[in-house]
Amino acid sequence: MQGLVDFIKTLGATRVMAMAAVAVALVGFFGFIILRVTAVPMTPLFTDLTFEDSSAIVRDLERQAIPYQVRNDGAIILVPKDAVTRLRMKLAESGLPKGGGVGYEIFDKSDSLGATSFVQNINHLRALEGELARTIRSIDRVAAARVHLVLPERPLFSRERQEPSASIVLKLRGGLEAQQVRAIRHLAASAVNGLKPTRVSVVDETGRLLADGADEEGGLGTGADERKVAFERRMREQIDNIVSSVVGPGRARVQLTADFDFNRITQTTDKFDPEGRVVRSSQTREETLASTEARDGQVTVGNELPGAGQNRQGAGGADNANKSDNRKSEEIVNYEISRTTKTEVIEGGRVNRISVAVLVDGTYAKNDKGESIYTPREKEELDRIAALVRSAIGFDQKRGDQVEVVNLRFAETPQNLISEPKGWMDLAQFTKEDIMRGIELAVMSLLGLIVLFFVVRPLVRKIVTPDKPARLSDGTVTGGLLPGAAGSPGVELVSGEAIAISNHTSNMIDIAQVQGQVHAQSVQKVGELADRNPHETVAIIRQWLHEAA
């Protein structure tokens, strides 16, 4: 140890500081590489976070002492990959992330005693908007949503009331179908009292109007063209699925055209049934009339006098008078004829006719030479495919539907859709994260090797390799070492120039690596040199003594 301490003292302060700096730099560099290589891979915990959610999640992670990284101004939080699932469940239990906005939790910590009715109404409106926004965000392809509600108050002593309205701004991942937009409008209308779907406007993040609320009550809710395109696409997918399951994927092409009638018709029909009559009312009337007339039928003053007939009868003139009785019977019966009144409202969007064209490829087989041979399909198979297509579309001959199934050879032979592994990467099933991790490790290893071979190795070689022997003033060559220049043999043993040469040798050495064997050899060489040149040695020692004094 004493020899090691003496050797370090002989190096000088400059050389020791240089060696320490290089050692610290190497330790730091390799430490960084080791930490980087052994670091736990980080993966996104949540993305597209608001500042409120990001700050709340960071506080919770710090409380649990879990390492994390924040990217994209707080919108993305990275955590260790093995703890992602557990953290998501833990944060979901705490209600994080809230997704921006304020829901009904605004009433949990509010002071209701000191709040005015105006503040309560505003908080209720904010809570309703926040809850609607959260519900809409749960729909697929909706990344973010913002809802604005207008709920007008009814003035006192007023019979008229303004209808509420709403506007929704969506940030989408891709695009929404017309049915999804309509569902969002009905969702908002059902959650707000008095709000109608026609009073809800929907806009995406690019400013494109998805729904303007111009649909009339009882209308289709979507454009005629959109409904036609959606119907044709749905029917085409159904036909393609059922045909592809028979002929194979990629071996069938389906085209479908539907003729729609978008006229809205209201019909009222009155039908009378004569056979189904019913007595509504009945009235019967009977009348009896009795009268006596003279037989002779003469018109005289005596006959016209009152009692003239009786006088004649009493006088024995019974044969001269004629009695008559008249009876009249009348019956009125009112019948009600069976009547049926039928009112039909036929909404627009009826299918008048469907035309389907199906192109089917044949079969392919390889011959003895390995060549692909095309074979057309039989007529019976095509008829069965046509029957399946008719059943799929609800074929109606009275409606004028048409179905054509034709077998033709495709321009290109369909390739095998099942991709087989071609290389070692496909067999290993490496993901993108695994590839990036491997590249990072390779870069770190390459940097370590470069530093080791081009920085550390030259320094160590320069330390352990002796310098060229120097010539003394009398012309002799010496390979010894001086105490002021350990590890640098060949310094001239001249009393006046020994210190200058020693300093020059010290400046040329960048790093010194202390080893016990090298130190022992150096001490031995210095002793031998002192024995051979006692006078020069005494002169050098005297010079050192003067310098120390």
Protein backbone atom coordinates (compact mmCIF):
# COMPACT_ATOMS: atom_id res chain seq x y z
CA MET A 1 0.00 0.00 0.00
CA GLN A 2 2.89 2.35 0.76
CA GLY A 3 4.27 1.73 -2.70
CA LEU A 4 0.84 2.43 -4.22
CA VAL A 5 0.58 5.68 -2.30
CA ASP A 6 4.07 6.72 -3.38
CA PHE A 7 3.24 5.91 -7.00
CA ILE A 8 0.08 8.03 -6.86
CA LYS A 9 2.10 10.90 -5.41
CA THR A 10 4.56 10.65 -8.26
CA LEU A 11 1.76 10.99 -10.84
CA GLY A 12 1.01 14.61 -10.07
CA ALA A 13 -2.29 16.41 -9.44
CA THR A 14 -3.04 17.04 -13.11
CA ARG A 15 -2.70 13.39 -14.09
CA VAL A 16 -4.74 12.15 -11.11
CA MET A 17 -7.57 14.59 -11.93
CA ALA A 18 -7.53 13.51 -15.57
CA MET A 19 -7.67 9.87 -14.58
CA ALA A 20 -10.53 10.54 -12.15
CA ALA A 21 -12.50 12.50 -14.76
CA VAL A 22 -12.10 9.75 -17.35
CA ALA A 23 -13.07 7.09 -14.79
CA VAL A 24 -16.18 9.03 -13.75
CA ALA A 25 -17.17 9.56 -17.40
CA LEU A 26 -16.76 5.88 -18.21
CA VAL A 27 -18.69 4.80 -15.12
CA GLY A 28 -21.48 7.25 -15.97
CA PHE A 29 -21.63 6.17 -19.61
CA PHE A 30 -21.75 2.45 -18.89
CA GLY A 31 -24.12 3.06 -16.00
CA PHE A 32 -26.48 4.88 -18.37
CA ILE A 33 -26.29 2.01 -20.86
CA ILE A 34 -26.96 -0.57 -18.15
CA LEU A 35 -29.90 1.39 -16.74
CA ARG A 36 -31.32 1.97 -20.21
CA VAL A 37 -31.02 -1.69 -21.15
CA THR A 38 -32.46 -2.96 -17.88
CA ALA A 39 -35.21 -0.30 -17.69
CA VAL A 40 -38.79 -1.49 -17.53
CA PRO A 41 -40.61 -0.90 -20.86
CA MET A 42 -43.19 1.89 -20.63
CA THR A 43 -46.56 1.82 -22.37
CA PRO A 44 -49.38 4.40 -22.57
CA LEU A 45 -51.81 4.26 -19.67
CA PHE A 46 -54.23 6.78 -21.21
CA THR A 47 -54.13 9.03 -24.26
CA ASP A 48 -55.96 12.22 -25.26
CA LEU A 49 -56.27 13.32 -21.63
CA THR A 50 -57.39 16.73 -20.50
CA PHE A 51 -55.28 18.75 -18.09
CA GLU A 52 -57.69 18.03 -15.23
CA ASP A 53 -57.60 14.29 -15.76
CA SER A 54 -53.84 14.28 -16.32
CA SER A 55 -53.13 16.13 -13.06
CA ALA A 56 -55.48 13.87 -11.09
CA ILE A 57 -53.91 10.71 -12.52
CA VAL A 58 -50.37 11.98 -11.83
CA ARG A 59 -51.28 12.71 -8.20
CA ASP A 60 -52.68 9.22 -7.79
CA LEU A 61 -49.57 7.63 -9.35
CA GLU A 62 -47.28 9.63 -7.09
CA ARG A 63 -49.32 8.57 -4.07
CA GLN A 64 -48.85 4.93 -5.09
CA ALA A 65 -45.10 5.50 -5.78
CA ILE A 66 -45.43 4.20 -9.35
CA PRO A 67 -42.95 5.50 -11.98
CA TYR A 68 -44.51 7.35 -14.88
CA GLN A 69 -43.68 9.55 -17.84
CA VAL A 70 -45.71 12.41 -19.29
CA ARG A 71 -45.73 13.06 -23.03
CA ASN A 72 -47.46 15.43 -25.43
CA ASP A 73 -48.04 18.19 -22.86
CA GLY A 74 -49.80 15.87 -20.45
CA ALA A 75 -52.11 14.25 -23.01
CA ILE A 76 -50.28 10.89 -22.75
CA ILE A 77 -49.13 9.19 -19.54
CA LEU A 78 -46.72 6.22 -19.72
CA VAL A 79 -46.41 3.61 -16.97
CA PRO A 80 -44.63 0.22 -16.69
CA LYS A 81 -46.09 -2.28 -19.10
CA ASP A 82 -46.71 -4.97 -16.49
CA ALA A 83 -48.85 -2.62 -14.34
CA VAL A 84 -51.13 -1.12 -17.01
CA THR A 85 -54.15 -3.36 -16.44
CA ARG A 86 -54.01 -3.07 -12.65
CA LEU A 87 -53.64 0.72 -12.78
CA ARG A 88 -56.55 1.14 -15.19
CA MET A 89 -58.83 -0.85 -12.91
CA LYS A 90 -57.60 1.06 -9.87
CA LEU A 91 -58.14 4.44 -11.52
CA ALA A 92 -61.54 3.37 -12.84
CA GLU A 93 -62.53 2.62 -9.25
CA SER A 94 -61.66 6.22 -8.40
CA GLY A 95 -63.62 7.55 -11.38
CA LEU A 96 -60.59 8.50 -13.47
CA PRO A 97 -60.32 9.66 -16.12
CA LYS A 98 -63.44 11.77 -16.02
CA GLY A 99 -63.01 12.78 -19.64
CA GLY A 100 -63.24 16.50 -19.10
CA GLY A 101 -66.31 18.41 -18.16
CA VAL A 102 -68.27 18.17 -14.95
CA GLY A 103 -71.02 15.69 -14.24
CA TYR A 104 -73.43 15.29 -11.37
CA GLU A 105 -70.50 15.12 -8.98
CA ILE A 106 -70.61 18.92 -9.00
CA PHE A 107 -73.31 18.63 -6.33
CA ASP A 108 -71.26 16.37 -4.06
CA LYS A 109 -69.13 19.14 -2.54
CA SER A 110 -71.27 22.20 -3.18
CA ASP A 111 -72.76 24.26 -0.40
CA SER A 112 -76.46 24.19 -1.15
CA LEU A 113 -77.38 26.46 1.75
CA GLY A 114 -75.56 29.50 0.45
CA ALA A 115 -76.24 28.91 -3.27
CA THR A 116 -78.86 30.93 -5.08
CA SER A 117 -81.38 29.45 -7.47
CA PHE A 118 -79.44 30.92 -10.39
CA VAL A 119 -76.27 29.09 -9.33
CA GLN A 120 -78.21 25.89 -8.81
CA ASN A 121 -79.69 26.12 -12.32
CA ILE A 122 -76.28 26.77 -13.84
CA ASN A 123 -74.77 23.80 -11.98
CA HIS A 124 -77.62 21.58 -13.12
CA LEU A 125 -77.06 22.66 -16.72
CA ARG A 126 -73.32 22.01 -16.47
CA ALA A 127 -73.90 18.60 -14.92
CA LEU A 128 -76.39 17.64 -17.61
CA GLU A 129 -74.02 18.72 -20.39
CA GLY A 130 -71.12 16.84 -18.82
CA GLU A 131 -73.06 13.62 -18.38
CA LEU A 132 -74.31 13.76 -21.96
CA ALA A 133 -70.77 14.33 -23.24
CA ARG A 134 -69.49 11.31 -21.30
CA THR A 135 -72.28 9.10 -22.61
CA ILE A 136 -71.65 10.16 -26.21
CA ARG A 137 -67.91 9.51 -25.84
CA SER A 138 -68.68 5.90 -24.96
CA ILE A 139 -69.91 5.36 -28.55
CA ASP A 140 -67.45 3.74 -30.90
CA ARG A 141 -65.48 6.09 -33.20
CA VAL A 142 -66.18 9.09 -30.94
CA ALA A 143 -62.93 10.34 -29.40
CA ALA A 144 -64.32 13.44 -27.67
CA ALA A 145 -67.63 15.24 -27.40
CA ARG A 146 -68.90 18.56 -26.18
CA VAL A 147 -72.56 19.38 -25.59
CA HIS A 148 -74.28 22.77 -25.36
CA LEU A 149 -77.86 22.92 -24.12
CA VAL A 150 -80.26 25.83 -24.33
CA LEU A 151 -83.12 25.41 -21.84
CA PRO A 152 -85.23 28.58 -21.96
CA GLU A 153 -87.22 29.48 -18.88
CA ARG A 154 -90.95 30.01 -19.16
CA PRO A 155 -91.90 33.58 -18.20
CA LEU A 156 -94.63 34.15 -15.66
CA PHE A 157 -98.19 34.62 -16.94
CA SER A 158 -97.15 33.39 -20.39
CA ARG A 159 -98.93 30.67 -22.31
CA GLU A 160 -96.25 30.25 -24.95
CA ARG A 161 -93.07 28.42 -24.19
CA GLN A 162 -89.90 28.24 -26.27
CA GLU A 163 -88.62 24.80 -27.12
CA PRO A 164 -85.16 23.73 -25.86
CA SER A 165 -82.34 23.06 -28.32
CA ALA A 166 -78.92 21.45 -28.28
CA SER A 167 -75.68 21.47 -30.26
CA ILE A 168 -73.08 18.69 -30.15
CA VAL A 169 -69.47 18.89 -31.36
CA LEU A 170 -67.74 15.54 -31.98
CA LYS A 171 -64.12 14.56 -32.46
CA LEU A 172 -64.20 11.36 -34.48
CA ARG A 173 -61.92 8.44 -35.17
CA GLY A 174 -62.83 7.87 -38.80
CA GLY A 175 -66.44 8.59 -39.71
CA LEU A 176 -69.97 8.06 -38.39
CA GLU A 177 -72.81 6.48 -40.27
CA ALA A 178 -76.17 8.16 -40.62
CA GLN A 179 -77.76 5.76 -38.16
CA GLN A 180 -75.14 6.59 -35.54
CA VAL A 181 -75.72 10.33 -35.95
CA ARG A 182 -79.44 9.78 -35.62
CA ALA A 183 -78.86 7.69 -32.49
CA ILE A 184 -76.83 10.50 -30.93
CA ARG A 185 -79.62 12.99 -31.61
CA HIS A 186 -82.26 10.74 -30.08
CA LEU A 187 -80.00 10.05 -27.11
CA ALA A 188 -79.67 13.75 -26.36
CA ALA A 189 -83.39 14.36 -26.92
CA SER A 190 -84.37 11.54 -24.55
CA ALA A 191 -82.12 12.86 -21.77
CA VAL A 192 -83.50 16.44 -21.79
CA ASN A 193 -87.09 17.17 -20.92
CA GLY A 194 -89.00 18.68 -23.84
CA LEU A 195 -86.12 18.41 -26.32
CA LYS A 196 -86.99 17.01 -29.75
CA PRO A 197 -84.49 15.22 -32.01
CA THR A 198 -85.18 17.79 -34.72
CA ARG A 199 -83.82 20.49 -32.40
CA VAL A 200 -80.39 18.84 -32.05
CA SER A 201 -77.52 19.85 -34.35
CA VAL A 202 -74.37 17.71 -34.68
CA VAL A 203 -71.02 18.99 -36.02
CA ASP A 204 -67.64 17.21 -36.27
CA GLU A 205 -64.22 18.65 -35.47
CA THR A 206 -63.66 19.78 -39.08
CA GLY A 207 -66.82 21.91 -39.04
CA ARG A 208 -68.77 19.51 -41.23
CA LEU A 209 -72.48 19.51 -40.45
CA LEU A 210 -73.66 15.99 -39.67
CA ALA A 211 -77.23 16.89 -38.66
CA ASP A 212 -78.87 20.30 -38.95
CA GLY A 213 -82.21 19.53 -37.33
CA ALA A 214 -84.15 20.25 -40.53
CA ASP A 215 -85.94 16.88 -40.66
CA GLU A 216 -89.68 17.18 -40.37
CA GLU A 217 -91.71 15.23 -37.87
CA GLY A 218 -92.46 11.81 -39.22
CA GLY A 219 -89.79 12.13 -41.87
CA LEU A 220 -87.10 9.64 -42.63
CA GLY A 221 -84.57 11.22 -40.36
CA THR A 222 -81.87 10.68 -42.97
CA GLY A 223 -81.46 11.64 -46.58
CA ALA A 224 -83.05 9.51 -49.26
CA ASP A 225 -79.72 8.87 -50.94
CA GLU A 226 -78.08 7.88 -47.67
CA ARG A 227 -80.86 5.43 -46.89
CA LYS A 228 -80.63 3.91 -50.35
CA VAL A 229 -76.86 3.55 -50.15
CA ALA A 230 -77.07 1.99 -46.69
CA PHE A 231 -79.72 -0.49 -47.81
CA GLU A 232 -77.75 -1.51 -50.89
CA ARG A 233 -74.54 -1.91 -48.90
CA ARG A 234 -76.24 -4.05 -46.26
CA MET A 235 -77.90 -6.32 -48.82
CA ARG A 236 -74.69 -6.57 -50.83
CA GLU A 237 -72.73 -7.64 -47.76
CA GLN A 238 -75.31 -10.30 -46.94
CA ILE A 239 -75.20 -11.72 -50.45
CA ASP A 240 -71.41 -11.60 -50.58
CA ASN A 241 -71.13 -13.46 -47.27
CA ILE A 242 -73.44 -16.26 -48.28
CA VAL A 243 -71.96 -16.65 -51.78
CA SER A 244 -68.34 -16.47 -50.55
CA SER A 245 -69.04 -19.27 -48.09
CA VAL A 246 -69.92 -21.48 -51.08
CA VAL A 247 -67.40 -20.48 -53.78
CA GLY A 248 -64.62 -19.25 -51.49
CA PRO A 249 -63.39 -15.82 -50.44
CA GLY A 250 -62.48 -13.46 -53.27
CA ARG A 251 -64.17 -15.57 -55.93
CA ALA A 252 -67.47 -13.69 -56.17
CA ARG A 253 -68.45 -10.15 -57.10
CA VAL A 254 -71.88 -8.81 -56.14
CA GLN A 255 -73.65 -5.71 -57.42
CA LEU A 256 -77.09 -4.69 -56.17
CA THR A 257 -79.40 -1.88 -57.20
CA ALA A 258 -82.58 -0.99 -55.32
CA ASP A 259 -85.38 1.23 -56.65
CA PHE A 260 -87.00 3.19 -53.82
CA ASP A 261 -90.24 5.17 -53.68
CA PHE A 262 -89.84 8.00 -51.20
CA ASN A 263 -93.35 9.47 -51.70
CA ARG A 264 -95.47 9.65 -48.56
CA ILE A 265 -99.07 8.61 -49.31
CA THR A 266 -102.20 8.96 -47.14
CA GLN A 267 -105.27 6.96 -48.31
CA THR A 268 -108.84 7.00 -46.89
CA THR A 269 -111.25 4.26 -48.08
CA ASP A 270 -115.03 3.90 -47.38
CA LYS A 271 -116.47 0.44 -48.04
CA PHE A 272 -120.24 -0.32 -48.04
CA ASP A 273 -121.64 -3.86 -47.73
CA PRO A 274 -125.27 -4.17 -48.90
CA GLU A 275 -125.57 -7.68 -47.54
CA GLY A 276 -124.64 -6.62 -44.08
CA ARG A 277 -127.65 -4.32 -43.42
CA VAL A 278 -129.01 -3.76 -39.93
CA VAL A 279 -132.47 -2.34 -38.88
CA ARG A 280 -131.82 1.06 -37.45
CA SER A 281 -135.48 2.17 -36.73
CA SER A 282 -139.05 0.91 -37.41
CA GLN A 283 -142.38 2.88 -37.43
CA THR A 284 -145.93 1.40 -37.90
CA ARG A 285 -149.14 3.42 -38.50
CA GLU A 286 -152.78 2.12 -38.88
CA GLU A 287 -155.86 4.24 -39.86
CA THR A 288 -159.61 3.15 -40.00
CA LEU A 289 -162.41 5.25 -41.72
CA ALA A 290 -166.26 4.41 -41.71
CA SER A 291 -168.76 6.32 -43.96
CA THR A 292 -172.51 6.05 -45.13
CA GLU A 293 -173.63 7.22 -48.55
CA ALA A 294 -177.12 7.51 -50.24
CA ARG A 295 -177.87 4.83 -52.78
CA ASP A 296 -179.55 7.09 -55.29
CA GLY A 297 -176.65 9.36 -55.17
CA GLN A 298 -178.86 12.42 -55.70
CA VAL A 299 -177.63 15.66 -54.46
CA THR A 300 -180.47 17.65 -52.90
CA VAL A 301 -180.88 20.14 -50.17
CA GLY A 302 -182.63 17.56 -48.04
CA ASN A 303 -179.88 15.06 -48.38
CA GLU A 304 -177.33 17.62 -47.35
CA LEU A 305 -179.21 18.66 -44.25
CA PRO A 306 -178.02 17.25 -40.99
CA GLY A 307 -179.84 14.07 -40.00
CA ALA A 308 -181.36 13.60 -43.41
CA GLY A 309 -180.00 10.09 -43.69
CA GLN A 310 -181.35 9.07 -40.33
CA ASN A 311 -184.76 10.40 -41.18
CA ARG A 312 -184.76 8.33 -44.29
CA GLN A 313 -183.65 5.23 -42.47
CA GLY A 314 -186.25 5.63 -39.81
CA ALA A 315 -188.85 6.08 -42.43
CA GLY A 316 -188.07 2.72 -43.81
CA GLY A 317 -185.66 3.82 -46.38
CA ALA A 318 -182.78 1.56 -45.39
CA ASP A 319 -182.11 0.50 -48.88
CA ASN A 320 -181.61 4.06 -49.96
CA ALA A 321 -178.22 4.38 -47.89
CA ASN A 322 -174.70 2.59 -48.35
CA LYS A 323 -172.18 2.05 -45.54
CA SER A 324 -168.32 1.77 -46.16
CA ASP A 325 -165.31 1.02 -43.85
CA ASN A 326 -161.70 2.04 -44.91
CA ARG A 327 -158.57 0.76 -43.16
CA LYS A 328 -155.03 2.03 -43.86
CA SER A 329 -151.83 0.49 -42.47
CA GLU A 330 -148.35 2.12 -42.93
CA GLU A 331 -144.94 0.78 -41.78
CA ILE A 332 -141.60 2.59 -42.13
CA VAL A 333 -138.36 0.61 -41.54
CA ASN A 334 -134.89 2.32 -41.69
CA TYR A 335 -131.91 0.08 -42.42
CA GLU A 336 -128.20 0.91 -41.74
CA ILE A 337 -125.81 -0.40 -44.41
CA SER A 338 -122.47 -1.81 -43.12
CA ARG A 339 -119.74 0.75 -43.73
CA THR A 340 -115.96 0.43 -43.21
CA THR A 341 -113.71 3.50 -43.19
CA LYS A 342 -109.97 2.78 -43.54
CA THR A 343 -107.20 5.37 -43.44
CA GLU A 344 -103.68 4.25 -44.43
CA VAL A 345 -100.49 6.30 -44.20
CA ILE A 346 -97.75 4.83 -46.38
CA GLU A 347 -94.39 6.24 -45.39
CA GLY A 348 -91.74 6.98 -47.97
CA GLY A 349 -88.89 4.60 -48.57
CA ARG A 350 -90.67 1.63 -50.06
CA VAL A 351 -88.67 -0.76 -52.21
CA ASN A 352 -90.17 -0.98 -55.66
CA ARG A 353 -87.65 -3.37 -57.20
CA ILE A 354 -84.31 -5.04 -56.48
CA SER A 355 -81.84 -6.10 -59.14
CA VAL A 356 -78.88 -8.32 -58.24
CA ALA A 357 -75.95 -9.36 -60.43
CA VAL A 358 -73.57 -12.02 -59.09
CA LEU A 359 -70.36 -12.89 -60.91
CA VAL A 360 -68.83 -16.18 -59.79
CA ASP A 361 -65.41 -17.50 -60.68
CA GLY A 362 -64.80 -21.12 -61.57
CA THR A 363 -62.60 -23.69 -59.89
CA TYR A 364 -58.85 -24.14 -60.32
CA ALA A 365 -56.84 -27.33 -60.18
CA LYS A 366 -53.23 -28.22 -60.92
CA ASN A 367 -52.26 -30.82 -63.47
CA ASP A 368 -49.24 -33.08 -63.45
CA LYS A 369 -47.00 -30.26 -64.66
CA GLY A 370 -48.08 -27.96 -61.87
CA GLU A 371 -50.04 -25.65 -64.13
CA SER A 372 -53.34 -24.16 -62.97
CA ILE A 373 -56.34 -25.35 -64.99
CA TYR A 374 -59.65 -23.45 -64.95
CA THR A 375 -62.90 -25.41 -64.71
CA PRO A 376 -66.30 -23.69 -65.07
CA ARG A 377 -69.02 -24.38 -62.53
CA GLU A 378 -72.01 -26.55 -63.31
CA LYS A 379 -75.47 -25.16 -63.96
CA GLU A 380 -76.96 -26.92 -60.97
CA GLU A 381 -74.51 -25.21 -58.65
CA LEU A 382 -75.31 -21.83 -60.19
CA ASP A 383 -79.03 -22.48 -59.72
CA ARG A 384 -78.50 -23.27 -56.05
CA ILE A 385 -76.48 -20.07 -55.63
CA ALA A 386 -79.28 -18.11 -57.32
CA ALA A 387 -81.82 -19.68 -54.95
CA LEU A 388 -79.73 -18.60 -51.97
CA VAL A 389 -79.51 -15.05 -53.33
CA ARG A 390 -83.28 -14.91 -53.84
CA SER A 391 -83.88 -15.98 -50.27
CA ALA A 392 -81.37 -13.46 -48.95
CA ILE A 393 -82.99 -10.45 -50.65
CA GLY A 394 -86.62 -11.52 -50.15
CA PHE A 395 -87.27 -12.06 -53.83
CA ASP A 396 -90.74 -10.96 -55.02
CA GLN A 397 -91.62 -11.73 -58.61
CA LYS A 398 -94.70 -9.48 -58.58
CA ARG A 399 -92.48 -6.61 -57.57
CA GLY A 400 -90.27 -7.21 -60.58
CA ASP A 401 -87.10 -8.33 -58.80
CA GLN A 402 -84.29 -9.73 -60.92
CA VAL A 403 -81.40 -12.04 -59.93
CA GLU A 404 -78.64 -13.01 -62.37
CA VAL A 405 -75.83 -15.41 -61.46
CA VAL A 406 -73.14 -15.73 -64.14
CA ASN A 407 -70.02 -17.88 -64.13
CA LEU A 408 -67.01 -16.26 -65.80
CA ARG A 409 -63.30 -16.56 -65.33
CA PHE A 410 -61.70 -13.73 -63.42
CA ALA A 411 -58.84 -11.80 -64.95
CA GLU A 412 -56.44 -12.82 -62.17
CA THR A 413 -56.25 -16.08 -60.29
CA PRO A 414 -57.22 -15.42 -56.68
CA GLN A 415 -54.29 -15.73 -54.34
CA ASN A 416 -54.34 -17.53 -51.09
CA LEU A 417 -55.73 -15.11 -48.53
CA ILE A 418 -54.13 -16.98 -45.63
CA SER A 419 -50.66 -15.52 -45.37
CA GLU A 420 -48.08 -18.11 -44.49
CA PRO A 421 -44.98 -17.16 -42.53
CA LYS A 422 -42.15 -16.51 -44.94
CA GLY A 423 -39.32 -15.37 -42.67
CA TRP A 424 -38.01 -15.80 -39.17
CA MET A 425 -39.72 -12.55 -38.11
CA ASP A 426 -43.10 -13.91 -39.17
CA LEU A 427 -42.45 -17.16 -37.34
CA ALA A 428 -41.39 -15.33 -34.18
CA GLN A 429 -44.46 -13.06 -34.35
CA PHE A 430 -42.55 -9.95 -33.33
CA THR A 431 -44.61 -6.87 -32.59
CA LYS A 432 -43.63 -3.31 -33.34
CA GLU A 433 -42.71 -2.71 -29.71
CA ASP A 434 -40.44 -5.76 -29.67
CA ILE A 435 -38.65 -4.60 -32.83
CA MET A 436 -38.11 -1.08 -31.44
CA ARG A 437 -36.83 -2.52 -28.18
CA GLY A 438 -34.37 -4.73 -30.05
CA ILE A 439 -33.13 -1.78 -32.12
CA GLU A 440 -32.62 0.26 -28.93
CA LEU A 441 -30.59 -2.52 -27.31
CA ALA A 442 -28.49 -2.94 -30.45
CA VAL A 443 -27.70 0.80 -30.58
CA MET A 444 -26.73 0.84 -26.90
CA SER A 445 -24.48 -2.19 -27.34
CA LEU A 446 -22.83 -0.64 -30.40
CA LEU A 447 -22.14 2.60 -28.51
CA GLY A 448 -20.59 0.66 -25.64
CA LEU A 449 -18.30 -1.24 -27.98
CA ILE A 450 -17.25 1.97 -29.77
CA VAL A 451 -16.34 3.67 -26.49
CA LEU A 452 -14.54 0.55 -25.28
CA PHE A 453 -12.40 0.03 -28.38
CA PHE A 454 -11.81 3.61 -29.54
CA VAL A 455 -11.55 5.46 -26.20
CA VAL A 456 -10.69 3.14 -23.34
CA ARG A 457 -8.39 0.81 -25.22
CA PRO A 458 -6.05 3.55 -26.62
CA LEU A 459 -5.82 5.19 -23.19
CA VAL A 460 -4.93 1.92 -21.44
CA ARG A 461 -2.42 1.03 -24.15
CA LYS A 462 -0.77 4.41 -23.82
CA ILE A 463 -0.49 3.98 -20.08
CA VAL A 464 1.05 0.50 -20.09
CA THR A 465 3.32 1.02 -23.14
CA PRO A 466 6.76 2.57 -22.25
CA ASP A 467 8.10 5.56 -24.14
CA LYS A 468 11.18 5.42 -26.37
CA PRO A 469 14.55 5.43 -24.50
CA ALA A 470 16.19 8.85 -24.18
CA ARG A 471 19.85 9.64 -24.58
CA LEU A 472 21.98 11.10 -21.77
CA SER A 473 24.23 14.09 -22.25
CA ASP A 474 27.26 11.89 -22.72
CA GLY A 475 25.57 9.95 -25.53
CA THR A 476 24.57 6.89 -23.54
CA VAL A 477 21.05 5.49 -23.78
CA THR A 478 19.09 4.83 -20.65
CA GLY A 479 15.74 3.17 -20.15
CA GLY A 480 15.36 3.91 -16.45
CA LEU A 481 12.60 5.76 -14.64
CA LEU A 482 12.78 8.80 -12.49
CA PRO A 483 10.54 9.25 -9.50
CA GLY A 484 8.87 12.21 -11.09
CA ALA A 485 8.11 10.27 -14.23
CA ALA A 486 6.79 6.87 -13.20
CA GLY A 487 5.95 4.62 -16.13
CA SER A 488 7.99 6.81 -18.54
CA PRO A 489 11.47 5.35 -18.91
CA GLY A 490 14.17 6.95 -20.96
CA VAL A 491 14.42 10.41 -19.35
CA GLU A 492 17.83 12.07 -19.57
CA LEU A 493 19.69 12.04 -16.27
CA VAL A 494 20.94 15.58 -16.54
CA SER A 495 20.61 17.62 -13.38
CA GLY A 496 19.64 20.81 -15.20
CA GLU A 497 17.21 19.23 -17.58
CA ALA A 498 15.79 16.35 -15.46
CA ILE A 499 12.84 18.33 -14.09
CA ALA A 500 11.90 19.76 -17.54
CA ILE A 501 12.04 16.33 -19.16
CA SER A 502 10.03 14.86 -16.27
CA ASN A 503 7.31 17.50 -16.68
CA HIS A 504 7.29 16.97 -20.44
CA THR A 505 6.81 13.24 -19.92
CA SER A 506 4.01 13.88 -17.41
CA ASN A 507 2.13 16.04 -19.93
CA MET A 508 2.35 13.35 -22.57
CA ILE A 509 0.70 10.76 -20.33
CA ASP A 510 -3.10 11.05 -20.34
CA ILE A 511 -4.12 8.36 -17.94
CA ALA A 512 -2.13 6.21 -15.52
CA GLN A 513 -3.37 2.85 -14.36
CA VAL A 514 -1.82 1.84 -11.12
CA GLN A 515 -0.81 -1.75 -10.72
CA GLY A 516 1.37 -3.31 -8.09
CA GLN A 517 3.56 -5.18 -10.51
CA VAL A 518 4.35 -2.08 -12.61
CA HIS A 519 5.16 -0.09 -9.46
CA ALA A 520 7.57 -2.74 -8.18
CA GLN A 521 9.36 -2.91 -11.52
CA SER A 522 9.67 0.87 -11.64
CA VAL A 523 11.21 1.03 -8.15
CA GLN A 524 13.68 -1.68 -9.10
CA LYS A 525 14.77 0.15 -12.24
CA VAL A 526 15.22 3.41 -10.33
CA GLY A 527 17.47 1.60 -7.82
CA GLU A 528 19.59 0.11 -10.58
CA LEU A 529 19.93 3.50 -12.25
CA ALA A 530 20.99 5.10 -8.99
CA ASP A 531 23.67 2.42 -8.48
CA ARG A 532 25.10 2.97 -11.96
CA ASN A 533 25.07 6.80 -11.85
CA PRO A 534 25.56 7.86 -8.24
CA HIS A 535 26.78 11.37 -9.04
CA GLU A 536 23.88 12.25 -11.32
CA THR A 537 21.48 10.77 -8.79
CA VAL A 538 22.90 12.90 -5.97
CA ALA A 539 22.65 15.98 -8.17
CA ILE A 540 19.01 15.30 -8.96
CA ILE A 541 18.17 14.70 -5.28
CA ARG A 542 19.87 17.96 -4.32
CA GLN A 543 17.88 19.74 -6.98
CA TRP A 544 14.65 18.29 -5.54
CA LEU A 545 15.66 19.38 -2.06
CA HIS A 546 16.22 22.92 -3.23
CA GLU A 547 12.86 22.95 -5.01
CA ALA A 548 11.06 21.61 -1.96
CA ALA A 549 12.71 24.24 0.24
